[in-house]
N, C-alpha and C. Protein backbone atom coordinates (compact mmCIF):
# COMPACT_ATOMS: atom_id res chain seq x y z
N ASN A 1 35.57 130.72 146.17
CA ASN A 1 35.80 131.35 147.46
C ASN A 1 37.11 132.12 147.40
N ASN A 2 37.04 133.42 147.52
CA ASN A 2 38.21 134.27 147.37
C ASN A 2 38.69 134.86 148.70
N GLY A 3 38.17 134.40 149.82
CA GLY A 3 38.65 134.85 151.12
C GLY A 3 38.41 136.30 151.41
N TYR A 4 39.42 137.13 151.23
CA TYR A 4 39.35 138.54 151.59
C TYR A 4 38.23 139.26 150.85
N ARG A 5 38.09 139.03 149.57
CA ARG A 5 37.03 139.70 148.81
C ARG A 5 35.65 139.30 149.32
N ASP A 6 35.48 138.04 149.69
CA ASP A 6 34.21 137.57 150.24
C ASP A 6 33.89 138.29 151.54
N ILE A 7 34.89 138.41 152.40
CA ILE A 7 34.70 139.06 153.70
C ILE A 7 34.37 140.53 153.51
N LYS A 8 35.05 141.19 152.58
CA LYS A 8 34.79 142.60 152.31
C LYS A 8 33.37 142.77 151.78
N ALA A 9 32.94 141.88 150.91
CA ALA A 9 31.58 141.94 150.35
C ALA A 9 30.54 141.75 151.45
N ILE A 10 30.79 140.83 152.38
CA ILE A 10 29.88 140.60 153.49
C ILE A 10 29.79 141.87 154.34
N SER A 11 30.93 142.49 154.63
CA SER A 11 30.97 143.70 155.45
C SER A 11 30.18 144.83 154.80
N ILE A 12 30.39 145.03 153.52
CA ILE A 12 29.69 146.10 152.80
C ILE A 12 28.19 145.84 152.80
N HIS A 13 27.81 144.59 152.54
CA HIS A 13 26.39 144.24 152.51
C HIS A 13 25.74 144.50 153.87
N LYS A 14 26.41 144.09 154.95
CA LYS A 14 25.85 144.30 156.29
C LYS A 14 25.77 145.78 156.64
N ALA A 15 26.77 146.55 156.23
CA ALA A 15 26.75 147.99 156.49
C ALA A 15 25.56 148.64 155.80
N ILE A 16 25.27 148.23 154.58
CA ILE A 16 24.12 148.76 153.85
C ILE A 16 22.83 148.42 154.57
N GLU A 17 22.71 147.19 155.06
CA GLU A 17 21.51 146.77 155.78
C GLU A 17 21.34 147.57 157.07
N ILE A 18 22.42 147.84 157.78
CA ILE A 18 22.36 148.62 159.02
C ILE A 18 21.86 150.03 158.73
N VAL A 19 22.36 150.64 157.68
CA VAL A 19 21.94 151.99 157.31
C VAL A 19 20.47 152.00 156.93
N LYS A 20 20.03 151.00 156.18
CA LYS A 20 18.62 150.91 155.80
C LYS A 20 17.71 150.80 157.02
N GLN A 21 18.20 150.16 158.08
CA GLN A 21 17.41 149.97 159.29
C GLN A 21 17.51 151.16 160.24
N GLY A 22 18.26 152.16 159.88
CA GLY A 22 18.35 153.36 160.72
C GLY A 22 19.63 153.47 161.51
N GLY A 23 20.60 152.62 161.28
CA GLY A 23 21.89 152.72 161.94
C GLY A 23 21.96 151.94 163.23
N VAL A 24 23.08 152.07 163.91
CA VAL A 24 23.32 151.38 165.18
C VAL A 24 23.14 152.40 166.29
N SER A 25 22.27 152.11 167.25
CA SER A 25 21.98 153.10 168.29
C SER A 25 22.72 152.83 169.60
N ASP A 26 23.34 151.69 169.75
CA ASP A 26 24.06 151.37 170.98
C ASP A 26 25.33 152.19 171.09
N ASP A 27 25.85 152.32 172.32
CA ASP A 27 27.10 153.03 172.51
C ASP A 27 28.31 152.10 172.43
N VAL A 28 28.06 150.81 172.16
CA VAL A 28 29.15 149.85 171.98
C VAL A 28 28.94 149.09 170.66
N CYS A 29 30.02 148.55 170.18
CA CYS A 29 29.99 147.74 168.97
C CYS A 29 30.31 146.31 169.40
N GLU A 30 29.36 145.39 169.22
CA GLU A 30 29.55 144.02 169.67
C GLU A 30 30.45 143.26 168.72
N LEU A 31 31.30 142.43 169.28
CA LEU A 31 32.28 141.66 168.51
C LEU A 31 32.06 140.18 168.76
N ARG A 32 31.98 139.40 167.69
CA ARG A 32 31.86 137.95 167.83
C ARG A 32 32.65 137.26 166.74
N LEU A 33 33.01 136.00 167.00
CA LEU A 33 33.77 135.20 166.05
C LEU A 33 32.93 134.97 164.79
N LEU A 34 33.51 135.15 163.64
CA LEU A 34 32.83 134.94 162.36
C LEU A 34 32.70 133.45 162.11
N LYS A 35 31.50 132.99 161.85
CA LYS A 35 31.26 131.55 161.65
C LYS A 35 32.12 131.02 160.53
N GLY A 36 32.73 129.86 160.79
CA GLY A 36 33.55 129.20 159.79
C GLY A 36 35.00 129.65 159.75
N TYR A 37 35.38 130.58 160.61
CA TYR A 37 36.75 131.09 160.65
C TYR A 37 37.29 130.97 162.06
N LYS A 38 38.59 130.75 162.19
CA LYS A 38 39.21 130.60 163.51
C LYS A 38 39.63 131.94 164.12
N PHE A 39 40.08 132.86 163.29
CA PHE A 39 40.66 134.09 163.82
C PHE A 39 39.93 135.36 163.41
N LEU A 40 38.99 135.26 162.48
CA LEU A 40 38.28 136.46 162.03
C LEU A 40 37.07 136.74 162.90
N HIS A 41 36.90 138.00 163.24
CA HIS A 41 35.80 138.45 164.07
C HIS A 41 34.98 139.48 163.31
N GLU A 42 33.72 139.59 163.67
CA GLU A 42 32.83 140.54 163.03
C GLU A 42 32.18 141.41 164.09
N THR A 43 32.07 142.70 163.81
CA THR A 43 31.43 143.62 164.73
C THR A 43 29.96 143.77 164.34
N SER A 44 29.17 144.31 165.25
CA SER A 44 27.74 144.49 164.99
C SER A 44 27.48 145.52 163.88
N CYS A 45 28.47 146.34 163.57
CA CYS A 45 28.29 147.30 162.48
C CYS A 45 28.74 146.73 161.15
N GLY A 46 29.24 145.48 161.16
CA GLY A 46 29.57 144.81 159.91
C GLY A 46 31.03 144.80 159.54
N TYR A 47 31.91 145.28 160.41
CA TYR A 47 33.35 145.29 160.12
C TYR A 47 33.94 143.93 160.47
N VAL A 48 34.76 143.38 159.59
CA VAL A 48 35.38 142.07 159.80
C VAL A 48 36.89 142.27 159.89
N PHE A 49 37.52 141.69 160.95
CA PHE A 49 38.97 141.83 161.09
C PHE A 49 39.54 140.71 161.94
N ASP A 50 40.84 140.64 161.96
CA ASP A 50 41.59 139.66 162.75
C ASP A 50 41.77 140.25 164.14
N MET A 51 41.22 139.60 165.14
CA MET A 51 41.26 140.14 166.50
C MET A 51 42.67 140.27 167.05
N GLN A 52 43.65 139.64 166.43
CA GLN A 52 45.02 139.74 166.90
C GLN A 52 45.54 141.17 166.86
N ASN A 53 44.82 142.05 166.13
CA ASN A 53 45.22 143.46 166.09
C ASN A 53 44.96 144.15 167.41
N GLY A 54 44.09 143.59 168.26
CA GLY A 54 43.85 144.11 169.59
C GLY A 54 43.14 145.45 169.64
N PHE A 55 42.19 145.70 168.76
CA PHE A 55 41.45 146.96 168.77
C PHE A 55 40.60 147.09 170.03
N LYS A 56 40.61 148.25 170.65
CA LYS A 56 39.71 148.54 171.76
C LYS A 56 38.49 149.29 171.25
N TYR A 57 38.65 149.95 170.11
CA TYR A 57 37.55 150.67 169.48
C TYR A 57 37.41 150.17 168.06
N CYS A 58 36.18 150.10 167.60
CA CYS A 58 35.91 149.61 166.25
C CYS A 58 36.50 150.56 165.22
N PRO A 59 37.33 150.06 164.32
CA PRO A 59 37.91 150.93 163.29
C PRO A 59 36.88 151.38 162.27
N TYR A 60 35.70 150.78 162.27
CA TYR A 60 34.67 151.10 161.29
C TYR A 60 33.72 152.19 161.80
N CYS A 61 33.22 152.02 163.04
CA CYS A 61 32.23 152.99 163.55
C CYS A 61 32.78 153.85 164.70
N GLY A 62 33.92 153.45 165.29
CA GLY A 62 34.55 154.24 166.34
C GLY A 62 34.03 153.97 167.75
N LYS A 63 33.04 153.08 167.87
CA LYS A 63 32.50 152.78 169.20
C LYS A 63 33.38 151.78 169.92
N LYS A 64 33.28 151.74 171.25
CA LYS A 64 34.05 150.79 172.05
C LYS A 64 33.59 149.37 171.75
N ILE A 65 34.53 148.45 171.62
CA ILE A 65 34.22 147.06 171.29
C ILE A 65 33.82 146.30 172.55
N LYS A 66 32.73 145.57 172.45
CA LYS A 66 32.26 144.68 173.51
C LYS A 66 32.24 143.25 172.94
N VAL A 67 33.04 142.36 173.53
CA VAL A 67 33.13 140.98 173.06
C VAL A 67 31.91 140.22 173.58
N VAL A 68 31.21 139.55 172.68
CA VAL A 68 30.04 138.73 173.02
C VAL A 68 30.20 137.35 172.42
N GLY A 69 29.52 136.39 173.03
CA GLY A 69 29.49 135.03 172.51
C GLY A 69 30.77 134.40 172.35
């Protein structure tokens, strides 16, 4: 378990799956806590980051962040 590299690999894998499915059509990017982590969050487009940065817009897809769950 290498931490950051694992998270980056998960993000890349999810981004590839989203593209294969035709992309994200919503006007918001949903944000939820990443399972097994206390401070890491994942967006619906597959971006993983520490919510302490306080992003209002997803740094990966540029859509407004909507916190869910």
